[in-house]
């Protein structure tokens, strides 16, 4: 469940790499 939530945070239109880094 935690990995699924993380996976959704890394996807989507207009994502910035800084946001992906914060989520990871």
PDBML (XML) file of the C-alpha atoms, coordinates in Angstrom:
<?xml version="1.0" encoding="UTF-8" ?>
<PDBx:datablock datablockName="MODEL"
   xmlns:PDBx="http://pdbml.pdb.org/schema/pdbx-v50.xsd"
   xmlns:xsi="http://www.w3.org/2001/XMLSchema-instance"
   xsi:schemaLocation="http://pdbml.pdb.org/schema/pdbx-v50.xsd pdbx-v50.xsd">
   <PDBx:atom_siteCategory>
      <PDBx:atom_site id="1">
         <PDBx:B_iso_or_equiv>0.00</PDBx:B_iso_or_equiv>
         <PDBx:Cartn_x>0.000</PDBx:Cartn_x>
         <PDBx:Cartn_y>0.000</PDBx:Cartn_y>
         <PDBx:Cartn_z>0.000</PDBx:Cartn_z>
         <PDBx:auth_asym_id>A</PDBx:auth_asym_id>
         <PDBx:auth_atom_id>CA</PDBx:auth_atom_id>
         <PDBx:auth_comp_id>UNK</PDBx:auth_comp_id>
         <PDBx:auth_seq_id>1</PDBx:auth_seq_id>
         <PDBx:group_PDB>ATOM</PDBx:group_PDB>
         <PDBx:label_alt_id xsi:nil="true" />
         <PDBx:label_asym_id>A</PDBx:label_asym_id>
         <PDBx:label_atom_id>CA</PDBx:label_atom_id>
         <PDBx:label_comp_id>UNK</PDBx:label_comp_id>
         <PDBx:label_entity_id>1</PDBx:label_entity_id>
         <PDBx:label_seq_id>1</PDBx:label_seq_id>
         <PDBx:occupancy>1.00</PDBx:occupancy>
         <PDBx:pdbx_PDB_model_num>1</PDBx:pdbx_PDB_model_num>
         <PDBx:type_symbol>C</PDBx:type_symbol>
      </PDBx:atom_site>
      <PDBx:atom_site id="2">
         <PDBx:B_iso_or_equiv>0.00</PDBx:B_iso_or_equiv>
         <PDBx:Cartn_x>2.840</PDBx:Cartn_x>
         <PDBx:Cartn_y>2.410</PDBx:Cartn_y>
         <PDBx:Cartn_z>0.866</PDBx:Cartn_z>
         <PDBx:auth_asym_id>A</PDBx:auth_asym_id>
         <PDBx:auth_atom_id>CA</PDBx:auth_atom_id>
         <PDBx:auth_comp_id>UNK</PDBx:auth_comp_id>
         <PDBx:auth_seq_id>2</PDBx:auth_seq_id>
         <PDBx:group_PDB>ATOM</PDBx:group_PDB>
         <PDBx:label_alt_id xsi:nil="true" />
         <PDBx:label_asym_id>A</PDBx:label_asym_id>
         <PDBx:label_atom_id>CA</PDBx:label_atom_id>
         <PDBx:label_comp_id>UNK</PDBx:label_comp_id>
         <PDBx:label_entity_id>1</PDBx:label_entity_id>
         <PDBx:label_seq_id>2</PDBx:label_seq_id>
         <PDBx:occupancy>1.00</PDBx:occupancy>
         <PDBx:pdbx_PDB_model_num>1</PDBx:pdbx_PDB_model_num>
         <PDBx:type_symbol>C</PDBx:type_symbol>
      </PDBx:atom_site>
      <PDBx:atom_site id="3">
         <PDBx:B_iso_or_equiv>0.00</PDBx:B_iso_or_equiv>
         <PDBx:Cartn_x>4.606</PDBx:Cartn_x>
         <PDBx:Cartn_y>1.621</PDBx:Cartn_y>
         <PDBx:Cartn_z>-2.416</PDBx:Cartn_z>
         <PDBx:auth_asym_id>A</PDBx:auth_asym_id>
         <PDBx:auth_atom_id>CA</PDBx:auth_atom_id>
         <PDBx:auth_comp_id>UNK</PDBx:auth_comp_id>
         <PDBx:auth_seq_id>3</PDBx:auth_seq_id>
         <PDBx:group_PDB>ATOM</PDBx:group_PDB>
         <PDBx:label_alt_id xsi:nil="true" />
         <PDBx:label_asym_id>A</PDBx:label_asym_id>
         <PDBx:label_atom_id>CA</PDBx:label_atom_id>
         <PDBx:label_comp_id>UNK</PDBx:label_comp_id>
         <PDBx:label_entity_id>1</PDBx:label_entity_id>
         <PDBx:label_seq_id>3</PDBx:label_seq_id>
         <PDBx:occupancy>1.00</PDBx:occupancy>
         <PDBx:pdbx_PDB_model_num>1</PDBx:pdbx_PDB_model_num>
         <PDBx:type_symbol>C</PDBx:type_symbol>
      </PDBx:atom_site>
      <PDBx:atom_site id="4">
         <PDBx:B_iso_or_equiv>0.00</PDBx:B_iso_or_equiv>
         <PDBx:Cartn_x>1.384</PDBx:Cartn_x>
         <PDBx:Cartn_y>2.172</PDBx:Cartn_y>
         <PDBx:Cartn_z>-4.366</PDBx:Cartn_z>
         <PDBx:auth_asym_id>A</PDBx:auth_asym_id>
         <PDBx:auth_atom_id>CA</PDBx:auth_atom_id>
         <PDBx:auth_comp_id>UNK</PDBx:auth_comp_id>
         <PDBx:auth_seq_id>4</PDBx:auth_seq_id>
         <PDBx:group_PDB>ATOM</PDBx:group_PDB>
         <PDBx:label_alt_id xsi:nil="true" />
         <PDBx:label_asym_id>A</PDBx:label_asym_id>
         <PDBx:label_atom_id>CA</PDBx:label_atom_id>
         <PDBx:label_comp_id>UNK</PDBx:label_comp_id>
         <PDBx:label_entity_id>1</PDBx:label_entity_id>
         <PDBx:label_seq_id>4</PDBx:label_seq_id>
         <PDBx:occupancy>1.00</PDBx:occupancy>
         <PDBx:pdbx_PDB_model_num>1</PDBx:pdbx_PDB_model_num>
         <PDBx:type_symbol>C</PDBx:type_symbol>
      </PDBx:atom_site>
      <PDBx:atom_site id="5">
         <PDBx:B_iso_or_equiv>0.00</PDBx:B_iso_or_equiv>
         <PDBx:Cartn_x>0.964</PDBx:Cartn_x>
         <PDBx:Cartn_y>5.592</PDBx:Cartn_y>
         <PDBx:Cartn_z>-2.751</PDBx:Cartn_z>
         <PDBx:auth_asym_id>A</PDBx:auth_asym_id>
         <PDBx:auth_atom_id>CA</PDBx:auth_atom_id>
         <PDBx:auth_comp_id>UNK</PDBx:auth_comp_id>
         <PDBx:auth_seq_id>5</PDBx:auth_seq_id>
         <PDBx:group_PDB>ATOM</PDBx:group_PDB>
         <PDBx:label_alt_id xsi:nil="true" />
         <PDBx:label_asym_id>A</PDBx:label_asym_id>
         <PDBx:label_atom_id>CA</PDBx:label_atom_id>
         <PDBx:label_comp_id>UNK</PDBx:label_comp_id>
         <PDBx:label_entity_id>1</PDBx:label_entity_id>
         <PDBx:label_seq_id>5</PDBx:label_seq_id>
         <PDBx:occupancy>1.00</PDBx:occupancy>
         <PDBx:pdbx_PDB_model_num>1</PDBx:pdbx_PDB_model_num>
         <PDBx:type_symbol>C</PDBx:type_symbol>
      </PDBx:atom_site>
      <PDBx:atom_site id="6">
         <PDBx:B_iso_or_equiv>0.00</PDBx:B_iso_or_equiv>
         <PDBx:Cartn_x>4.569</PDBx:Cartn_x>
         <PDBx:Cartn_y>6.477</PDBx:Cartn_y>
         <PDBx:Cartn_z>-3.582</PDBx:Cartn_z>
         <PDBx:auth_asym_id>A</PDBx:auth_asym_id>
         <PDBx:auth_atom_id>CA</PDBx:auth_atom_id>
         <PDBx:auth_comp_id>UNK</PDBx:auth_comp_id>
         <PDBx:auth_seq_id>6</PDBx:auth_seq_id>
         <PDBx:group_PDB>ATOM</PDBx:group_PDB>
         <PDBx:label_alt_id xsi:nil="true" />
         <PDBx:label_asym_id>A</PDBx:label_asym_id>
         <PDBx:label_atom_id>CA</PDBx:label_atom_id>
         <PDBx:label_comp_id>UNK</PDBx:label_comp_id>
         <PDBx:label_entity_id>1</PDBx:label_entity_id>
         <PDBx:label_seq_id>6</PDBx:label_seq_id>
         <PDBx:occupancy>1.00</PDBx:occupancy>
         <PDBx:pdbx_PDB_model_num>1</PDBx:pdbx_PDB_model_num>
         <PDBx:type_symbol>C</PDBx:type_symbol>
      </PDBx:atom_site>
      <PDBx:atom_site id="7">
         <PDBx:B_iso_or_equiv>0.00</PDBx:B_iso_or_equiv>
         <PDBx:Cartn_x>4.132</PDBx:Cartn_x>
         <PDBx:Cartn_y>5.272</PDBx:Cartn_y>
         <PDBx:Cartn_z>-7.168</PDBx:Cartn_z>
         <PDBx:auth_asym_id>A</PDBx:auth_asym_id>
         <PDBx:auth_atom_id>CA</PDBx:auth_atom_id>
         <PDBx:auth_comp_id>UNK</PDBx:auth_comp_id>
         <PDBx:auth_seq_id>7</PDBx:auth_seq_id>
         <PDBx:group_PDB>ATOM</PDBx:group_PDB>
         <PDBx:label_alt_id xsi:nil="true" />
         <PDBx:label_asym_id>A</PDBx:label_asym_id>
         <PDBx:label_atom_id>CA</PDBx:label_atom_id>
         <PDBx:label_comp_id>UNK</PDBx:label_comp_id>
         <PDBx:label_entity_id>1</PDBx:label_entity_id>
         <PDBx:label_seq_id>7</PDBx:label_seq_id>
         <PDBx:occupancy>1.00</PDBx:occupancy>
         <PDBx:pdbx_PDB_model_num>1</PDBx:pdbx_PDB_model_num>
         <PDBx:type_symbol>C</PDBx:type_symbol>
      </PDBx:atom_site>
      <PDBx:atom_site id="8">
         <PDBx:B_iso_or_equiv>0.00</PDBx:B_iso_or_equiv>
         <PDBx:Cartn_x>1.136</PDBx:Cartn_x>
         <PDBx:Cartn_y>7.567</PDBx:Cartn_y>
         <PDBx:Cartn_z>-7.674</PDBx:Cartn_z>
         <PDBx:auth_asym_id>A</PDBx:auth_asym_id>
         <PDBx:auth_atom_id>CA</PDBx:auth_atom_id>
         <PDBx:auth_comp_id>UNK</PDBx:auth_comp_id>
         <PDBx:auth_seq_id>8</PDBx:auth_seq_id>
         <PDBx:group_PDB>ATOM</PDBx:group_PDB>
         <PDBx:label_alt_id xsi:nil="true" />
         <PDBx:label_asym_id>A</PDBx:label_asym_id>
         <PDBx:label_atom_id>CA</PDBx:label_atom_id>
         <PDBx:label_comp_id>UNK</PDBx:label_comp_id>
         <PDBx:label_entity_id>1</PDBx:label_entity_id>
         <PDBx:label_seq_id>8</PDBx:label_seq_id>
         <PDBx:occupancy>1.00</PDBx:occupancy>
         <PDBx:pdbx_PDB_model_num>1</PDBx:pdbx_PDB_model_num>
         <PDBx:type_symbol>C</PDBx:type_symbol>
      </PDBx:atom_site>
      <PDBx:atom_site id="9">
         <PDBx:B_iso_or_equiv>0.00</PDBx:B_iso_or_equiv>
         <PDBx:Cartn_x>3.061</PDBx:Cartn_x>
         <PDBx:Cartn_y>10.532</PDBx:Cartn_y>
         <PDBx:Cartn_z>-6.265</PDBx:Cartn_z>
         <PDBx:auth_asym_id>A</PDBx:auth_asym_id>
         <PDBx:auth_atom_id>CA</PDBx:auth_atom_id>
         <PDBx:auth_comp_id>UNK</PDBx:auth_comp_id>
         <PDBx:auth_seq_id>9</PDBx:auth_seq_id>
         <PDBx:group_PDB>ATOM</PDBx:group_PDB>
         <PDBx:label_alt_id xsi:nil="true" />
         <PDBx:label_asym_id>A</PDBx:label_asym_id>
         <PDBx:label_atom_id>CA</PDBx:label_atom_id>
         <PDBx:label_comp_id>UNK</PDBx:label_comp_id>
         <PDBx:label_entity_id>1</PDBx:label_entity_id>
         <PDBx:label_seq_id>9</PDBx:label_seq_id>
         <PDBx:occupancy>1.00</PDBx:occupancy>
         <PDBx:pdbx_PDB_model_num>1</PDBx:pdbx_PDB_model_num>
         <PDBx:type_symbol>C</PDBx:type_symbol>
      </PDBx:atom_site>
      <PDBx:atom_site id="10">
         <PDBx:B_iso_or_equiv>0.00</PDBx:B_iso_or_equiv>
         <PDBx:Cartn_x>5.787</PDBx:Cartn_x>
         <PDBx:Cartn_y>10.004</PDBx:Cartn_y>
         <PDBx:Cartn_z>-8.877</PDBx:Cartn_z>
         <PDBx:auth_asym_id>A</PDBx:auth_asym_id>
         <PDBx:auth_atom_id>CA</PDBx:auth_atom_id>
         <PDBx:auth_comp_id>UNK</PDBx:auth_comp_id>
         <PDBx:auth_seq_id>10</PDBx:auth_seq_id>
         <PDBx:group_PDB>ATOM</PDBx:group_PDB>
         <PDBx:label_alt_id xsi:nil="true" />
         <PDBx:label_asym_id>A</PDBx:label_asym_id>
         <PDBx:label_atom_id>CA</PDBx:label_atom_id>
         <PDBx:label_comp_id>UNK</PDBx:label_comp_id>
         <PDBx:label_entity_id>1</PDBx:label_entity_id>
         <PDBx:label_seq_id>10</PDBx:label_seq_id>
         <PDBx:occupancy>1.00</PDBx:occupancy>
         <PDBx:pdbx_PDB_model_num>1</PDBx:pdbx_PDB_model_num>
         <PDBx:type_symbol>C</PDBx:type_symbol>
      </PDBx:atom_site>
      <PDBx:atom_site id="11">
         <PDBx:B_iso_or_equiv>0.00</PDBx:B_iso_or_equiv>
         <PDBx:Cartn_x>3.300</PDBx:Cartn_x>
         <PDBx:Cartn_y>10.113</PDBx:Cartn_y>
         <PDBx:Cartn_z>-11.750</PDBx:Cartn_z>
         <PDBx:auth_asym_id>A</PDBx:auth_asym_id>
         <PDBx:auth_atom_id>CA</PDBx:auth_atom_id>
         <PDBx:auth_comp_id>UNK</PDBx:auth_comp_id>
         <PDBx:auth_seq_id>11</PDBx:auth_seq_id>
         <PDBx:group_PDB>ATOM</PDBx:group_PDB>
         <PDBx:label_alt_id xsi:nil="true" />
         <PDBx:label_asym_id>A</PDBx:label_asym_id>
         <PDBx:label_atom_id>CA</PDBx:label_atom_id>
         <PDBx:label_comp_id>UNK</PDBx:label_comp_id>
         <PDBx:label_entity_id>1</PDBx:label_entity_id>
         <PDBx:label_seq_id>11</PDBx:label_seq_id>
         <PDBx:occupancy>1.00</PDBx:occupancy>
         <PDBx:pdbx_PDB_model_num>1</PDBx:pdbx_PDB_model_num>
         <PDBx:type_symbol>C</PDBx:type_symbol>
      </PDBx:atom_site>
      <PDBx:atom_site id="12">
         <PDBx:B_iso_or_equiv>0.00</PDBx:B_iso_or_equiv>
         <PDBx:Cartn_x>1.056</PDBx:Cartn_x>
         <PDBx:Cartn_y>12.734</PDBx:Cartn_y>
         <PDBx:Cartn_z>-13.240</PDBx:Cartn_z>
         <PDBx:auth_asym_id>A</PDBx:auth_asym_id>
         <PDBx:auth_atom_id>CA</PDBx:auth_atom_id>
         <PDBx:auth_comp_id>UNK</PDBx:auth_comp_id>
         <PDBx:auth_seq_id>12</PDBx:auth_seq_id>
         <PDBx:group_PDB>ATOM</PDBx:group_PDB>
         <PDBx:label_alt_id xsi:nil="true" />
         <PDBx:label_asym_id>A</PDBx:label_asym_id>
         <PDBx:label_atom_id>CA</PDBx:label_atom_id>
         <PDBx:label_comp_id>UNK</PDBx:label_comp_id>
         <PDBx:label_entity_id>1</PDBx:label_entity_id>
         <PDBx:label_seq_id>12</PDBx:label_seq_id>
         <PDBx:occupancy>1.00</PDBx:occupancy>
         <PDBx:pdbx_PDB_model_num>1</PDBx:pdbx_PDB_model_num>
         <PDBx:type_symbol>C</PDBx:type_symbol>
      </PDBx:atom_site>
      <PDBx:atom_site id="13">
         <PDBx:B_iso_or_equiv>0.00</PDBx:B_iso_or_equiv>
         <PDBx:Cartn_x>1.048</PDBx:Cartn_x>
         <PDBx:Cartn_y>15.592</PDBx:Cartn_y>
         <PDBx:Cartn_z>-15.692</PDBx:Cartn_z>
         <PDBx:auth_asym_id>A</PDBx:auth_asym_id>
         <PDBx:auth_atom_id>CA</PDBx:auth_atom_id>
         <PDBx:auth_comp_id>UNK</PDBx:auth_comp_id>
         <PDBx:auth_seq_id>13</PDBx:auth_seq_id>
         <PDBx:group_PDB>ATOM</PDBx:group_PDB>
         <PDBx:label_alt_id xsi:nil="true" />
         <PDBx:label_asym_id>A</PDBx:label_asym_id>
         <PDBx:label_atom_id>CA</PDBx:label_atom_id>
         <PDBx:label_comp_id>UNK</PDBx:label_comp_id>
         <PDBx:label_entity_id>1</PDBx:label_entity_id>
         <PDBx:label_seq_id>13</PDBx:label_seq_id>
         <PDBx:occupancy>1.00</PDBx:occupancy>
         <PDBx:pdbx_PDB_model_num>1</PDBx:pdbx_PDB_model_num>
         <PDBx:type_symbol>C</PDBx:type_symbol>
      </PDBx:atom_site>
      <PDBx:atom_site id="14">
         <PDBx:B_iso_or_equiv>0.00</PDBx:B_iso_or_equiv>
         <PDBx:Cartn_x>3.499</PDBx:Cartn_x>
         <PDBx:Cartn_y>18.442</PDBx:Cartn_y>
         <PDBx:Cartn_z>-15.066</PDBx:Cartn_z>
         <PDBx:auth_asym_id>A</PDBx:auth_asym_id>
         <PDBx:auth_atom_id>CA</PDBx:auth_atom_id>
         <PDBx:auth_comp_id>UNK</PDBx:auth_comp_id>
         <PDBx:auth_seq_id>14</PDBx:auth_seq_id>
         <PDBx:group_PDB>ATOM</PDBx:group_PDB>
         <PDBx:label_alt_id xsi:nil="true" />
         <PDBx:label_asym_id>A</PDBx:label_asym_id>
         <PDBx:label_atom_id>CA</PDBx:label_atom_id>
         <PDBx:label_comp_id>UNK</PDBx:label_comp_id>
         <PDBx:label_entity_id>1</PDBx:label_entity_id>
         <PDBx:label_seq_id>14</PDBx:label_seq_id>
         <PDBx:occupancy>1.00</PDBx:occupancy>
         <PDBx:pdbx_PDB_model_num>1</PDBx:pdbx_PDB_model_num>
         <PDBx:type_symbol>C</PDBx:type_symbol>
      </PDBx:atom_site>
      <PDBx:atom_site id="15">
         <PDBx:B_iso_or_equiv>0.00</PDBx:B_iso_or_equiv>
         <PDBx:Cartn_x>5.590</PDBx:Cartn_x>
         <PDBx:Cartn_y>16.671</PDBx:Cartn_y>
         <PDBx:Cartn_z>-12.434</PDBx:Cartn_z>
         <PDBx:auth_asym_id>A</PDBx:auth_asym_id>
         <PDBx:auth_atom_id>CA</PDBx:auth_atom_id>
         <PDBx:auth_comp_id>UNK</PDBx:auth_comp_id>
         <PDBx:auth_seq_id>15</PDBx:auth_seq_id>
         <PDBx:group_PDB>ATOM</PDBx:group_PDB>
         <PDBx:label_alt_id xsi:nil="true" />
         <PDBx:label_asym_id>A</PDBx:label_asym_id>
         <PDBx:label_atom_id>CA</PDBx:label_atom_id>
         <PDBx:label_comp_id>UNK</PDBx:label_comp_id>
         <PDBx:label_entity_id>1</PDBx:label_entity_id>
         <PDBx:label_seq_id>15</PDBx:label_seq_id>
         <PDBx:occupancy>1.00</PDBx:occupancy>
         <PDBx:pdbx_PDB_model_num>1</PDBx:pdbx_PDB_model_num>
         <PDBx:type_symbol>C</PDBx:type_symbol>
      </PDBx:atom_site>
      <PDBx:atom_site id="16">
         <PDBx:B_iso_or_equiv>0.00</PDBx:B_iso_or_equiv>
         <PDBx:Cartn_x>8.853</PDBx:Cartn_x>
         <PDBx:Cartn_y>18.348</PDBx:Cartn_y>
         <PDBx:Cartn_z>-11.453</PDBx:Cartn_z>
         <PDBx:auth_asym_id>A</PDBx:auth_asym_id>
         <PDBx:auth_atom_id>CA</PDBx:auth_atom_id>
         <PDBx:auth_comp_id>UNK</PDBx:auth_comp_id>
         <PDBx:auth_seq_id>16</PDBx:auth_seq_id>
         <PDBx:group_PDB>ATOM</PDBx:group_PDB>
         <PDBx:label_alt_id xsi:nil="true" />
         <PDBx:label_asym_id>A</PDBx:label_asym_id>
         <PDBx:label_atom_id>CA</PDBx:label_atom_id>
         <PDBx:label_comp_id>UNK</PDBx:label_comp_id>
         <PDBx:label_entity_id>1</PDBx:label_entity_id>
         <PDBx:label_seq_id>16</PDBx:label_seq_id>
         <PDBx:occupancy>1.00</PDBx:occupancy>
         <PDBx:pdbx_PDB_model_num>1</PDBx:pdbx_PDB_model_num>
         <PDBx:type_symbol>C</PDBx:type_symbol>
      </PDBx:atom_site>
      <PDBx:atom_site id="17">
         <PDBx:B_iso_or_equiv>0.00</PDBx:B_iso_or_equiv>
         <PDBx:Cartn_x>11.899</PDBx:Cartn_x>
         <PDBx:Cartn_y>16.278</PDBx:Cartn_y>
         <PDBx:Cartn_z>-10.589</PDBx:Cartn_z>
         <PDBx:auth_asym_id>A</PDBx:auth_asym_id>
         <PDBx:auth_atom_id>CA</PDBx:auth_atom_id>
         <PDBx:auth_comp_id>UNK</PDBx:auth_comp_id>
         <PDBx:auth_seq_id>17</PDBx:auth_seq_id>
         <PDBx:group_PDB>ATOM</PDBx:group_PDB>
         <PDBx:label_alt_id xsi:nil="true" />
         <PDBx:label_asym_id>A</PDBx:label_asym_id>
         <PDBx:label_atom_id>CA</PDBx:label_atom_id>
         <PDBx:label_comp_id>UNK</PDBx:label_comp_id>
         <PDBx:label_entity_id>1</PDBx:label_entity_id>
         <PDBx:label_seq_id>17</PDBx:label_seq_id>
         <PDBx:occupancy>1.00</PDBx:occupancy>
         <PDBx:pdbx_PDB_model_num>1</PDBx:pdbx_PDB_model_num>
         <PDBx:type_symbol>C</PDBx:type_symbol>
      </PDBx:atom_site>
      <PDBx:atom_site id="18">
         <PDBx:B_iso_or_equiv>0.00</PDBx:B_iso_or_equiv>
         <PDBx:Cartn_x>12.308</PDBx:Cartn_x>
         <PDBx:Cartn_y>18.144</PDBx:Cartn_y>
         <PDBx:Cartn_z>-7.286</PDBx:Cartn_z>
         <PDBx:auth_asym_id>A</PDBx:auth_asym_id>
         <PDBx:auth_atom_id>CA</PDBx:auth_atom_id>
         <PDBx:auth_comp_id>UNK</PDBx:auth_comp_id>
         <PDBx:auth_seq_id>18</PDBx:auth_seq_id>
         <PDBx:group_PDB>ATOM</PDBx:group_PDB>
         <PDBx:label_alt_id xsi:nil="true" />
         <PDBx:label_asym_id>A</PDBx:label_asym_id>
         <PDBx:label_atom_id>CA</PDBx:label_atom_id>
         <PDBx:label_comp_id>UNK</PDBx:label_comp_id>
         <PDBx:label_entity_id>1</PDBx:label_entity_id>
         <PDBx:label_seq_id>18</PDBx:label_seq_id>
         <PDBx:occupancy>1.00</PDBx:occupancy>
         <PDBx:pdbx_PDB_model_num>1</PDBx:pdbx_PDB_model_num>
         <PDBx:type_symbol>C</PDBx:type_symbol>
      </PDBx:atom_site>
      <PDBx:atom_site id="19">
         <PDBx:B_iso_or_equiv>0.00</PDBx:B_iso_or_equiv>
         <PDBx:Cartn_x>8.874</PDBx:Cartn_x>
         <PDBx:Cartn_y>16.898</PDBx:Cartn_y>
         <PDBx:Cartn_z>-6.149</PDBx:Cartn_z>
         <PDBx:auth_asym_id>A</PDBx:auth_asym_id>
         <PDBx:auth_atom_id>CA</PDBx:auth_atom_id>
         <PDBx:auth_comp_id>UNK</PDBx:auth_comp_id>
         <PDBx:auth_seq_id>19</PDBx:auth_seq_id>
         <PDBx:group_PDB>ATOM</PDBx:group_PDB>
         <PDBx:label_alt_id xsi:nil="true" />
         <PDBx:label_asym_id>A</PDBx:label_asym_id>
         <PDBx:label_atom_id>CA</PDBx:label_atom_id>
         <PDBx:label_comp_id>UNK</PDBx:label_comp_id>
         <PDBx:label_entity_id>1</PDBx:label_entity_id>
         <PDBx:label_seq_id>19</PDBx:label_seq_id>
         <PDBx:occupancy>1.00</PDBx:occupancy>
         <PDBx:pdbx_PDB_model_num>1</PDBx:pdbx_PDB_model_num>
         <PDBx:type_symbol>C</PDBx:type_symbol>
      </PDBx:atom_site>
      <PDBx:atom_site id="20">
         <PDBx:B_iso_or_equiv>0.00</PDBx:B_iso_or_equiv>
         <PDBx:Cartn_x>9.805</PDBx:Cartn_x>
         <PDBx:Cartn_y>13.350</PDBx:Cartn_y>
         <PDBx:Cartn_z>-7.144</PDBx:Cartn_z>
         <PDBx:auth_asym_id>A</PDBx:auth_asym_id>
         <PDBx:auth_atom_id>CA</PDBx:auth_atom_id>
         <PDBx:auth_comp_id>UNK</PDBx:auth_comp_id>
         <PDBx:auth_seq_id>20</PDBx:auth_seq_id>
         <PDBx:group_PDB>ATOM</PDBx:group_PDB>
         <PDBx:label_alt_id xsi:nil="true" />
         <PDBx:label_asym_id>A</PDBx:label_asym_id>
         <PDBx:label_atom_id>CA</PDBx:label_atom_id>
         <PDBx:label_comp_id>UNK</PDBx:label_comp_id>
         <PDBx:label_entity_id>1</PDBx:label_entity_id>
         <PDBx:label_seq_id>20</PDBx:label_seq_id>
         <PDBx:occupancy>1.00</PDBx:occupancy>
         <PDBx:pdbx_PDB_model_num>1</PDBx:pdbx_PDB_model_num>
         <PDBx:type_symbol>C</PDBx:type_symbol>
      </PDBx:atom_site>
      <PDBx:atom_site id="21">
         <PDBx:B_iso_or_equiv>0.00</PDBx:B_iso_or_equiv>
         <PDBx:Cartn_x>12.999</PDBx:Cartn_x>
         <PDBx:Cartn_y>13.633</PDBx:Cartn_y>
         <PDBx:Cartn_z>-5.118</PDBx:Cartn_z>
         <PDBx:auth_asym_id>A</PDBx:auth_asym_id>
         <PDBx:auth_atom_id>CA</PDBx:auth_atom_id>
         <PDBx:auth_comp_id>UNK</PDBx:auth_comp_id>
         <PDBx:auth_seq_id>21</PDBx:auth_seq_id>
         <PDBx:group_PDB>ATOM</PDBx:group_PDB>
         <PDBx:label_alt_id xsi:nil="true" />
         <PDBx:label_asym_id>A</PDBx:label_asym_id>
         <PDBx:label_atom_id>CA</PDBx:label_atom_id>
         <PDBx:label_comp_id>UNK</PDBx:label_comp_id>
         <PDBx:label_entity_id>1</PDBx:label_entity_id>
         <PDBx:label_seq_id>21</PDBx:label_seq_id>
         <PDBx:occupancy>1.00</PDBx:occupancy>
         <PDBx:pdbx_PDB_model_num>1</PDBx:pdbx_PDB_model_num>
         <PDBx:type_symbol>C</PDBx:type_symbol>
      </PDBx:atom_site>
      <PDBx:atom_site id="22">
         <PDBx:B_iso_or_equiv>0.00</PDBx:B_iso_or_equiv>
         <PDBx:Cartn_x>11.080</PDBx:Cartn_x>
         <PDBx:Cartn_y>14.855</PDBx:Cartn_y>
         <PDBx:Cartn_z>-2.040</PDBx:Cartn_z>
         <PDBx:auth_asym_id>A</PDBx:auth_asym_id>
         <PDBx:auth_atom_id>CA</PDBx:auth_atom_id>
         <PDBx:auth_comp_id>UNK</PDBx:auth_comp_id>
         <PDBx:auth_seq_id>22</PDBx:auth_seq_id>
         <PDBx:group_PDB>ATOM</PDBx:group_PDB>
         <PDBx:label_alt_id xsi:nil="true" />
         <PDBx:label_asym_id>A</PDBx:label_asym_id>
         <PDBx:label_atom_id>CA</PDBx:label_atom_id>
         <PDBx:label_comp_id>UNK</PDBx:label_comp_id>
         <PDBx:label_entity_id>1</PDBx:label_entity_id>
         <PDBx:label_seq_id>22</PDBx:label_seq_id>
         <PDBx:occupancy>1.00</PDBx:occupancy>
         <PDBx:pdbx_PDB_model_num>1</PDBx:pdbx_PDB_model_num>
         <PDBx:type_symbol>C</PDBx:type_symbol>
      </PDBx:atom_site>
      <PDBx:atom_site id="23">
         <PDBx:B_iso_or_equiv>0.00</PDBx:B_iso_or_equiv>
         <PDBx:Cartn_x>8.653</PDBx:Cartn_x>
         <PDBx:Cartn_y>11.933</PDBx:Cartn_y>
         <PDBx:Cartn_z>-2.268</PDBx:Cartn_z>
         <PDBx:auth_asym_id>A</PDBx:auth_asym_id>
         <PDBx:auth_atom_id>CA</PDBx:auth_atom_id>
         <PDBx:auth_comp_id>UNK</PDBx:auth_comp_id>
         <PDBx:auth_seq_id>23</PDBx:auth_seq_id>
         <PDBx:group_PDB>ATOM</PDBx:group_PDB>
         <PDBx:label_alt_id xsi:nil="true" />
         <PDBx:label_asym_id>A</PDBx:label_asym_id>
         <PDBx:label_atom_id>CA</PDBx:label_atom_id>
         <PDBx:label_comp_id>UNK</PDBx:label_comp_id>
         <PDBx:label_entity_id>1</PDBx:label_entity_id>
         <PDBx:label_seq_id>23</PDBx:label_seq_id>
         <PDBx:occupancy>1.00</PDBx:occupancy>
         <PDBx:pdbx_PDB_model_num>1</PDBx:pdbx_PDB_model_num>
         <PDBx:type_symbol>C</PDBx:type_symbol>
      </PDBx:atom_site>
      <PDBx:atom_site id="24">
         <PDBx:B_iso_or_equiv>0.00</PDBx:B_iso_or_equiv>
         <PDBx:Cartn_x>11.490</PDBx:Cartn_x>
         <PDBx:Cartn_y>9.407</PDBx:Cartn_y>
         <PDBx:Cartn_z>-2.567</PDBx:Cartn_z>
         <PDBx:auth_asym_id>A</PDBx:auth_asym_id>
         <PDBx:auth_atom_id>CA</PDBx:auth_atom_id>
         <PDBx:auth_comp_id>UNK</PDBx:auth_comp_id>
         <PDBx:auth_seq_id>24</PDBx:auth_seq_id>
         <PDBx:group_PDB>ATOM</PDBx:group_PDB>
         <PDBx:label_alt_id xsi:nil="true" />
         <PDBx:label_asym_id>A</PDBx:label_asym_id>
         <PDBx:label_atom_id>CA</PDBx:label_atom_id>
         <PDBx:label_comp_id>UNK</PDBx:label_comp_id>
         <PDBx:label_entity_id>1</PDBx:label_entity_id>
         <PDBx:label_seq_id>24</PDBx:label_seq_id>
         <PDBx:occupancy>1.00</PDBx:occupancy>
         <PDBx:pdbx_PDB_model_num>1</PDBx:pdbx_PDB_model_num>
         <PDBx:type_symbol>C</PDBx:type_symbol>
      </PDBx:atom_site>
   </PDBx:atom_siteCategory>
</PDBx:datablock>
